[in-house]
Amino acid sequence: MNGPAVLAAGVCVTSGLVAGVLFAVALSVLPALNAMPPDRYVHAHQLLGRHWDPTMPVIVLGSFAADTVLAAPAGARGRPVFAAAAVLLLLVSVVSHFGNVPINRRVKGVDPEAIPPDWRDPRPLWRRWHLVRTALAVAAAALNAAGLALL
């Protein structure tokens, strides 16, 4: 197996991991969080978010970097596939950084034992941003699989 094929196999694993984690959160975690009263939601959100940083940003940006590197040796057929996957993974990072992470920071600052009366529930907005990045990640993983097949 040549170097680009090994790197492409690796990026299939990492982008698949990103897509799988985000899909699992959308399918299982979000419905559970949405069913909780606000105090339990805040507490659970704070617990769930502790280990995402820096793990997920490193995997997402590492996959983006690998796709960027792969675009050069992939040839005329594979180059646009890996380039598009790189763009999609970069968009996953952008959506996370500007959509979900600011909401996460706000939720981290709330005391679950003293939810303010004017507290605005962030779950609907967080879910919308999350579904956008999930769709982007799934598309990137599919493109990476297609790109590997083209090498």
N, C-alpha and C. Protein backbone atom coordinates (compact mmCIF):
# COMPACT_ATOMS: atom_id res chain seq x y z
N MET A 1 0.85 -1.18 0.00
CA MET A 1 0.00 0.00 0.00
C MET A 1 0.89 1.24 0.00
N ASN A 2 0.61 2.18 -0.88
CA ASN A 2 1.43 3.39 -0.97
C ASN A 2 1.06 4.41 0.10
N GLY A 3 1.89 5.44 0.26
CA GLY A 3 1.68 6.45 1.29
C GLY A 3 0.34 7.14 1.23
N PRO A 4 -0.07 7.64 0.05
CA PRO A 4 -1.39 8.28 -0.01
C PRO A 4 -2.53 7.33 0.37
N ALA A 5 -2.43 6.07 -0.01
CA ALA A 5 -3.50 5.12 0.34
C ALA A 5 -3.56 4.90 1.84
N VAL A 6 -2.40 4.84 2.49
CA VAL A 6 -2.38 4.67 3.95
C VAL A 6 -3.00 5.90 4.61
N LEU A 7 -2.60 7.08 4.15
CA LEU A 7 -3.16 8.31 4.71
C LEU A 7 -4.66 8.39 4.46
N ALA A 8 -5.10 7.98 3.27
CA ALA A 8 -6.53 7.99 2.95
C ALA A 8 -7.29 7.02 3.84
N ALA A 9 -6.72 5.86 4.09
CA ALA A 9 -7.37 4.90 4.99
C ALA A 9 -7.48 5.50 6.39
N GLY A 10 -6.43 6.18 6.83
CA GLY A 10 -6.46 6.83 8.15
C GLY A 10 -7.50 7.92 8.23
N VAL A 11 -7.62 8.73 7.17
CA VAL A 11 -8.60 9.81 7.19
C VAL A 11 -10.02 9.26 7.09
N CYS A 12 -10.17 8.10 6.47
CA CYS A 12 -11.49 7.45 6.48
C CYS A 12 -11.88 7.08 7.91
N VAL A 13 -10.90 6.58 8.66
CA VAL A 13 -11.17 6.21 10.05
C VAL A 13 -11.49 7.45 10.88
N THR A 14 -10.65 8.49 10.77
CA THR A 14 -10.86 9.66 11.64
C THR A 14 -12.11 10.45 11.25
N SER A 15 -12.35 10.63 9.96
CA SER A 15 -13.57 11.36 9.58
C SER A 15 -14.80 10.51 9.87
N GLY A 16 -14.67 9.19 9.76
CA GLY A 16 -15.77 8.31 10.14
C GLY A 16 -16.05 8.36 11.63
N LEU A 17 -14.99 8.48 12.41
CA LEU A 17 -15.15 8.62 13.86
C LEU A 17 -15.90 9.91 14.19
N VAL A 18 -15.51 11.01 13.57
CA VAL A 18 -16.19 12.29 13.79
C VAL A 18 -17.66 12.17 13.42
N ALA A 19 -17.93 11.64 12.23
CA ALA A 19 -19.33 11.50 11.79
C ALA A 19 -20.10 10.58 12.73
N GLY A 20 -19.48 9.49 13.16
CA GLY A 20 -20.16 8.54 14.04
C GLY A 20 -20.48 9.12 15.40
N VAL A 21 -19.53 9.85 15.96
CA VAL A 21 -19.77 10.47 17.27
C VAL A 21 -20.89 11.50 17.17
N LEU A 22 -20.82 12.35 16.17
CA LEU A 22 -21.85 13.38 16.02
C LEU A 22 -23.22 12.76 15.73
N PHE A 23 -23.24 11.69 14.91
CA PHE A 23 -24.49 11.00 14.62
C PHE A 23 -25.06 10.38 15.89
N ALA A 24 -24.22 9.74 16.70
CA ALA A 24 -24.68 9.12 17.94
C ALA A 24 -25.26 10.16 18.90
N VAL A 25 -24.61 11.31 18.98
CA VAL A 25 -25.12 12.38 19.83
C VAL A 25 -26.50 12.82 19.33
N ALA A 26 -26.63 12.99 18.01
CA ALA A 26 -27.92 13.42 17.45
C ALA A 26 -29.00 12.38 17.67
N LEU A 27 -28.65 11.12 17.54
CA LEU A 27 -29.63 10.05 17.60
C LEU A 27 -30.03 9.67 19.02
N SER A 28 -29.09 9.76 19.95
CA SER A 28 -29.34 9.23 21.29
C SER A 28 -29.23 10.28 22.40
N VAL A 29 -28.16 11.04 22.40
CA VAL A 29 -27.92 11.98 23.50
C VAL A 29 -28.89 13.15 23.46
N LEU A 30 -29.09 13.73 22.28
CA LEU A 30 -29.98 14.90 22.20
C LEU A 30 -31.40 14.61 22.64
N PRO A 31 -32.02 13.51 22.20
CA PRO A 31 -33.36 13.22 22.70
C PRO A 31 -33.41 13.07 24.22
N ALA A 32 -32.37 12.47 24.78
CA ALA A 32 -32.34 12.32 26.25
C ALA A 32 -32.21 13.67 26.92
N LEU A 33 -31.33 14.52 26.42
CA LEU A 33 -31.16 15.86 27.01
C LEU A 33 -32.44 16.69 26.87
N ASN A 34 -33.10 16.56 25.73
CA ASN A 34 -34.33 17.33 25.50
C ASN A 34 -35.47 16.88 26.41
N ALA A 35 -35.42 15.65 26.89
CA ALA A 35 -36.48 15.14 27.76
C ALA A 35 -36.28 15.56 29.22
N MET A 36 -35.15 16.14 29.54
CA MET A 36 -34.84 16.50 30.93
C MET A 36 -35.36 17.88 31.29
N PRO A 37 -35.73 18.07 32.56
CA PRO A 37 -36.04 19.43 33.00
C PRO A 37 -34.74 20.27 32.98
N PRO A 38 -34.85 21.59 32.94
CA PRO A 38 -33.67 22.44 32.78
C PRO A 38 -32.52 22.16 33.76
N ASP A 39 -32.80 21.95 35.04
CA ASP A 39 -31.70 21.75 35.98
C ASP A 39 -30.93 20.46 35.68
N ARG A 40 -31.65 19.40 35.35
CA ARG A 40 -30.98 18.14 35.00
C ARG A 40 -30.23 18.27 33.68
N TYR A 41 -30.84 18.97 32.74
CA TYR A 41 -30.19 19.18 31.45
C TYR A 41 -28.85 19.90 31.64
N VAL A 42 -28.86 21.00 32.38
CA VAL A 42 -27.63 21.77 32.59
C VAL A 42 -26.57 20.89 33.24
N HIS A 43 -26.94 20.16 34.25
CA HIS A 43 -25.99 19.27 34.93
C HIS A 43 -25.45 18.22 33.96
N ALA A 44 -26.32 17.57 33.21
CA ALA A 44 -25.89 16.54 32.27
C ALA A 44 -25.01 17.13 31.16
N HIS A 45 -25.40 18.28 30.64
CA HIS A 45 -24.62 18.93 29.59
C HIS A 45 -23.21 19.25 30.09
N GLN A 46 -23.12 19.73 31.31
CA GLN A 46 -21.81 20.04 31.88
C GLN A 46 -20.97 18.78 32.02
N LEU A 47 -21.57 17.67 32.42
CA LEU A 47 -20.84 16.42 32.55
C LEU A 47 -20.41 15.86 31.19
N LEU A 48 -21.30 15.90 30.23
CA LEU A 48 -21.01 15.33 28.92
C LEU A 48 -19.93 16.10 28.17
N GLY A 49 -19.86 17.38 28.38
CA GLY A 49 -18.92 18.20 27.62
C GLY A 49 -17.50 18.22 28.11
N ARG A 50 -17.22 17.60 29.24
CA ARG A 50 -15.89 17.73 29.84
C ARG A 50 -14.75 17.15 29.00
N HIS A 51 -14.98 16.09 28.27
CA HIS A 51 -13.88 15.43 27.58
C HIS A 51 -13.87 15.65 26.07
N TRP A 52 -14.79 16.45 25.56
CA TRP A 52 -14.80 16.71 24.12
C TRP A 52 -13.61 17.56 23.71
N ASP A 53 -13.31 18.58 24.48
CA ASP A 53 -12.15 19.42 24.18
C ASP A 53 -10.98 18.89 24.96
N PRO A 54 -9.84 18.70 24.39
CA PRO A 54 -9.45 19.02 23.01
C PRO A 54 -9.58 17.85 22.03
N THR A 55 -10.16 16.75 22.44
CA THR A 55 -10.16 15.54 21.60
C THR A 55 -10.81 15.76 20.24
N MET A 56 -12.06 16.19 20.21
CA MET A 56 -12.76 16.31 18.92
C MET A 56 -12.14 17.38 18.01
N PRO A 57 -11.76 18.56 18.50
CA PRO A 57 -11.13 19.51 17.59
C PRO A 57 -9.84 18.95 16.96
N VAL A 58 -9.07 18.21 17.72
CA VAL A 58 -7.83 17.63 17.18
C VAL A 58 -8.15 16.63 16.08
N ILE A 59 -9.15 15.79 16.30
CA ILE A 59 -9.52 14.78 15.30
C ILE A 59 -10.10 15.46 14.05
N VAL A 60 -10.98 16.43 14.24
CA VAL A 60 -11.59 17.12 13.09
C VAL A 60 -10.52 17.86 12.29
N LEU A 61 -9.69 18.64 12.97
CA LEU A 61 -8.68 19.41 12.25
C LEU A 61 -7.57 18.52 11.70
N GLY A 62 -7.28 17.42 12.37
CA GLY A 62 -6.32 16.46 11.84
C GLY A 62 -6.84 15.82 10.56
N SER A 63 -8.11 15.49 10.54
CA SER A 63 -8.72 14.94 9.33
C SER A 63 -8.72 15.96 8.20
N PHE A 64 -9.02 17.20 8.54
CA PHE A 64 -8.97 18.29 7.56
C PHE A 64 -7.56 18.39 6.96
N ALA A 65 -6.55 18.37 7.81
CA ALA A 65 -5.16 18.47 7.34
C ALA A 65 -4.80 17.29 6.45
N ALA A 66 -5.21 16.10 6.84
CA ALA A 66 -4.91 14.91 6.03
C ALA A 66 -5.59 15.00 4.67
N ASP A 67 -6.82 15.46 4.63
CA ASP A 67 -7.51 15.62 3.35
C ASP A 67 -6.81 16.66 2.48
N THR A 68 -6.34 17.72 3.10
CA THR A 68 -5.63 18.76 2.35
C THR A 68 -4.36 18.19 1.74
N VAL A 69 -3.63 17.41 2.52
CA VAL A 69 -2.41 16.77 2.02
C VAL A 69 -2.75 15.78 0.90
N LEU A 70 -3.82 15.03 1.07
CA LEU A 70 -4.20 14.02 0.08
C LEU A 70 -4.65 14.61 -1.25
N ALA A 71 -5.15 15.82 -1.24
CA ALA A 71 -5.66 16.41 -2.48
C ALA A 71 -4.57 16.52 -3.54
N ALA A 72 -3.33 16.76 -3.14
CA ALA A 72 -2.24 16.92 -4.12
C ALA A 72 -1.91 15.63 -4.87
N PRO A 73 -1.60 14.52 -4.18
CA PRO A 73 -1.21 13.32 -4.92
C PRO A 73 -2.39 12.48 -5.42
N ALA A 74 -3.60 12.90 -5.16
CA ALA A 74 -4.76 12.07 -5.48
C ALA A 74 -5.08 12.01 -6.97
N GLY A 75 -4.48 12.87 -7.75
CA GLY A 75 -4.75 12.85 -9.19
C GLY A 75 -6.02 13.61 -9.53
N ALA A 76 -6.29 13.69 -10.81
CA ALA A 76 -7.40 14.50 -11.30
C ALA A 76 -8.75 14.02 -10.79
N ARG A 77 -8.92 12.72 -10.61
CA ARG A 77 -10.22 12.21 -10.13
C ARG A 77 -10.36 12.36 -8.62
N GLY A 78 -9.30 12.12 -7.87
CA GLY A 78 -9.39 12.14 -6.42
C GLY A 78 -9.22 13.51 -5.79
N ARG A 79 -8.50 14.39 -6.48
CA ARG A 79 -8.22 15.72 -5.91
C ARG A 79 -9.48 16.47 -5.50
N PRO A 80 -10.50 16.59 -6.36
CA PRO A 80 -11.69 17.33 -5.92
C PRO A 80 -12.45 16.63 -4.80
N VAL A 81 -12.35 15.32 -4.73
CA VAL A 81 -13.05 14.56 -3.69
C VAL A 81 -12.42 14.84 -2.33
N PHE A 82 -11.08 14.72 -2.25
CA PHE A 82 -10.41 15.00 -0.98
C PHE A 82 -10.48 16.49 -0.62
N ALA A 83 -10.42 17.36 -1.61
CA ALA A 83 -10.54 18.80 -1.35
C ALA A 83 -11.92 19.14 -0.79
N ALA A 84 -12.95 18.53 -1.36
CA ALA A 84 -14.32 18.78 -0.86
C ALA A 84 -14.48 18.24 0.55
N ALA A 85 -13.91 17.07 0.82
CA ALA A 85 -13.97 16.52 2.18
C ALA A 85 -13.26 17.45 3.15
N ALA A 86 -12.12 18.01 2.73
CA ALA A 86 -11.40 18.94 3.60
C ALA A 86 -12.26 20.17 3.91
N VAL A 87 -12.92 20.71 2.90
CA VAL A 87 -13.79 21.88 3.11
C VAL A 87 -14.91 21.54 4.08
N LEU A 88 -15.52 20.37 3.89
CA LEU A 88 -16.61 19.97 4.79
C LEU A 88 -16.13 19.83 6.23
N LEU A 89 -14.96 19.24 6.42
CA LEU A 89 -14.43 19.10 7.78
C LEU A 89 -14.08 20.46 8.38
N LEU A 90 -13.57 21.35 7.56
CA LEU A 90 -13.31 22.70 8.05
C LEU A 90 -14.62 23.37 8.48
N LEU A 91 -15.68 23.14 7.71
CA LEU A 91 -16.99 23.69 8.08
C LEU A 91 -17.53 23.06 9.36
N VAL A 92 -17.25 21.78 9.59
CA VAL A 92 -17.62 21.15 10.88
C VAL A 92 -16.97 21.93 12.01
N SER A 93 -15.69 22.25 11.85
CA SER A 93 -14.97 22.99 12.88
C SER A 93 -15.53 24.40 13.05
N VAL A 94 -15.85 25.06 11.96
CA VAL A 94 -16.39 26.42 12.02
C VAL A 94 -17.75 26.42 12.73
N VAL A 95 -18.62 25.49 12.34
CA VAL A 95 -19.95 25.41 12.98
C VAL A 95 -19.79 25.12 14.48
N SER A 96 -18.90 24.20 14.81
CA SER A 96 -18.67 23.89 16.22
C SER A 96 -18.18 25.12 16.97
N HIS A 97 -17.17 25.78 16.40
CA HIS A 97 -16.52 26.90 17.09
C HIS A 97 -17.45 28.10 17.26
N PHE A 98 -18.24 28.38 16.24
CA PHE A 98 -19.09 29.58 16.30
C PHE A 98 -20.55 29.29 16.66
N GLY A 99 -20.97 28.03 16.58
CA GLY A 99 -22.35 27.68 16.91
C GLY A 99 -22.48 26.98 18.25
N ASN A 100 -21.90 25.78 18.36
CA ASN A 100 -22.10 24.96 19.56
C ASN A 100 -21.23 25.38 20.74
N VAL A 101 -19.97 25.71 20.48
CA VAL A 101 -19.06 26.02 21.60
C VAL A 101 -19.50 27.24 22.41
N PRO A 102 -19.94 28.34 21.79
CA PRO A 102 -20.42 29.45 22.61
C PRO A 102 -21.61 29.06 23.50
N ILE A 103 -22.49 28.21 22.97
CA ILE A 103 -23.62 27.74 23.78
C ILE A 103 -23.10 26.88 24.93
N ASN A 104 -22.14 26.00 24.64
CA ASN A 104 -21.56 25.16 25.68
C ASN A 104 -20.97 26.02 26.81
N ARG A 105 -20.29 27.09 26.43
CA ARG A 105 -19.69 27.97 27.46
C ARG A 105 -20.77 28.62 28.33
N ARG A 106 -21.87 29.01 27.69
CA ARG A 106 -22.96 29.61 28.48
C ARG A 106 -23.55 28.59 29.44
N VAL A 107 -23.76 27.37 28.96
CA VAL A 107 -24.34 26.33 29.82
C VAL A 107 -23.39 25.99 30.97
N LYS A 108 -22.09 25.97 30.70
CA LYS A 108 -21.11 25.69 31.75
C LYS A 108 -21.18 26.74 32.86
N GLY A 109 -21.59 27.96 32.52
CA GLY A 109 -21.65 29.04 33.50
C GLY A 109 -22.93 29.09 34.31
N VAL A 110 -23.84 28.16 34.06
CA VAL A 110 -25.12 28.15 34.78
C VAL A 110 -25.03 27.17 35.94
N ASP A 111 -25.52 27.61 37.09
CA ASP A 111 -25.61 26.72 38.25
C ASP A 111 -26.91 25.92 38.12
N PRO A 112 -26.79 24.58 37.98
CA PRO A 112 -28.02 23.79 37.80
C PRO A 112 -28.98 23.89 38.98
N GLU A 113 -28.46 24.26 40.14
CA GLU A 113 -29.30 24.39 41.34
C GLU A 113 -30.00 25.75 41.40
N ALA A 114 -29.60 26.68 40.52
CA ALA A 114 -30.18 28.03 40.56
C ALA A 114 -30.36 28.56 39.14
N ILE A 115 -31.21 27.90 38.39
CA ILE A 115 -31.49 28.36 37.02
C ILE A 115 -32.23 29.69 37.12
N PRO A 116 -31.70 30.73 36.47
CA PRO A 116 -32.37 32.03 36.54
C PRO A 116 -33.77 31.98 35.91
N PRO A 117 -34.70 32.78 36.44
CA PRO A 117 -36.06 32.76 35.90
C PRO A 117 -36.13 33.20 34.43
N ASP A 118 -35.19 34.02 33.99
CA ASP A 118 -35.19 34.50 32.60
C ASP A 118 -34.29 33.66 31.70
N TRP A 119 -33.89 32.48 32.18
CA TRP A 119 -32.99 31.60 31.42
C TRP A 119 -33.64 31.18 30.12
N ARG A 120 -32.90 31.34 29.03
CA ARG A 120 -33.38 30.92 27.70
C ARG A 120 -32.79 29.56 27.39
N ASP A 121 -33.63 28.59 27.21
CA ASP A 121 -33.21 27.22 26.94
C ASP A 121 -32.44 27.16 25.62
N PRO A 122 -31.16 26.74 25.66
CA PRO A 122 -30.34 26.73 24.45
C PRO A 122 -30.49 25.46 23.61
N ARG A 123 -31.27 24.49 24.09
CA ARG A 123 -31.32 23.20 23.41
C ARG A 123 -31.78 23.27 21.96
N PRO A 124 -32.83 24.01 21.60
CA PRO A 124 -33.23 24.03 20.19
C PRO A 124 -32.13 24.58 19.26
N LEU A 125 -31.48 25.66 19.66
CA LEU A 125 -30.42 26.25 18.84
C LEU A 125 -29.21 25.32 18.78
N TRP A 126 -28.83 24.75 19.92
CA TRP A 126 -27.69 23.83 19.96
C TRP A 126 -27.96 22.64 19.04
N ARG A 127 -29.18 22.13 19.06
CA ARG A 127 -29.55 20.99 18.21
C ARG A 127 -29.44 21.35 16.74
N ARG A 128 -29.92 22.52 16.36
CA ARG A 128 -29.85 22.93 14.95
C ARG A 128 -28.40 22.98 14.47
N TRP A 129 -27.55 23.64 15.27
CA TRP A 129 -26.13 23.70 14.90
C TRP A 129 -25.53 22.30 14.85
N HIS A 130 -25.90 21.46 15.79
CA HIS A 130 -25.35 20.11 15.84
C HIS A 130 -25.76 19.30 14.60
N LEU A 131 -27.00 19.42 14.19
CA LEU A 131 -27.44 18.68 13.01
C LEU A 131 -26.74 19.16 11.74
N VAL A 132 -26.44 20.45 11.67
CA VAL A 132 -25.68 20.96 10.52
C VAL A 132 -24.30 20.33 10.49
N ARG A 133 -23.59 20.35 11.62
CA ARG A 133 -22.24 19.79 11.60
C ARG A 133 -22.25 18.28 11.44
N THR A 134 -23.30 17.61 11.90
CA THR A 134 -23.40 16.17 11.70
C THR A 134 -23.54 15.86 10.22
N ALA A 135 -24.40 16.57 9.52
CA ALA A 135 -24.58 16.36 8.08
C ALA A 135 -23.27 16.62 7.33
N LEU A 136 -22.57 17.67 7.70
CA LEU A 136 -21.28 17.98 7.06
C LEU A 136 -20.27 16.85 7.30
N ALA A 137 -20.23 16.35 8.52
CA ALA A 137 -19.27 15.29 8.86
C ALA A 137 -19.59 13.98 8.14
N VAL A 138 -20.86 13.64 8.05
CA VAL A 138 -21.26 12.41 7.33
C VAL A 138 -20.88 12.54 5.86
N ALA A 139 -21.13 13.69 5.26
CA ALA A 139 -20.77 13.91 3.86
C ALA A 139 -19.25 13.82 3.68
N ALA A 140 -18.48 14.38 4.60
CA ALA A 140 -17.02 14.31 4.51
C ALA A 140 -16.53 12.87 4.60
N ALA A 141 -17.10 12.10 5.51
CA ALA A 141 -16.71 10.69 5.64
C ALA A 141 -17.02 9.93 4.36
N ALA A 142 -18.17 10.19 3.76
CA ALA A 142 -18.54 9.51 2.51
C ALA A 142 -17.57 9.89 1.39
N LEU A 143 -17.21 11.16 1.32
CA LEU A 143 -16.25 11.60 0.30
C LEU A 143 -14.89 10.97 0.52
N ASN A 144 -14.48 10.84 1.77
CA ASN A 144 -13.19 10.21 2.04
C ASN A 144 -13.19 8.75 1.62
N ALA A 145 -14.29 8.06 1.85
CA ALA A 145 -14.38 6.67 1.39
C ALA A 145 -14.31 6.61 -0.14
N ALA A 146 -15.00 7.52 -0.80
CA ALA A 146 -14.95 7.57 -2.27
C ALA A 146 -13.54 7.90 -2.73
N GLY A 147 -12.88 8.82 -2.06
CA GLY A 147 -11.52 9.19 -2.43
C GLY A 147 -10.55 8.03 -2.28
N LEU A 148 -10.70 7.26 -1.23
CA LEU A 148 -9.85 6.08 -1.03
C LEU A 148 -10.06 5.10 -2.18
N ALA A 149 -11.31 4.92 -2.60
CA ALA A 149 -11.60 4.01 -3.71
C ALA A 149 -10.99 4.49 -5.02
N LEU A 150 -10.77 5.79 -5.16
CA LEU A 150 -10.20 6.34 -6.38
C LEU A 150 -8.68 6.26 -6.44
N LEU A 151 -8.04 6.00 -5.32
CA LEU A 151 -6.56 5.94 -5.32
C LEU A 151 -6.05 4.67 -5.96
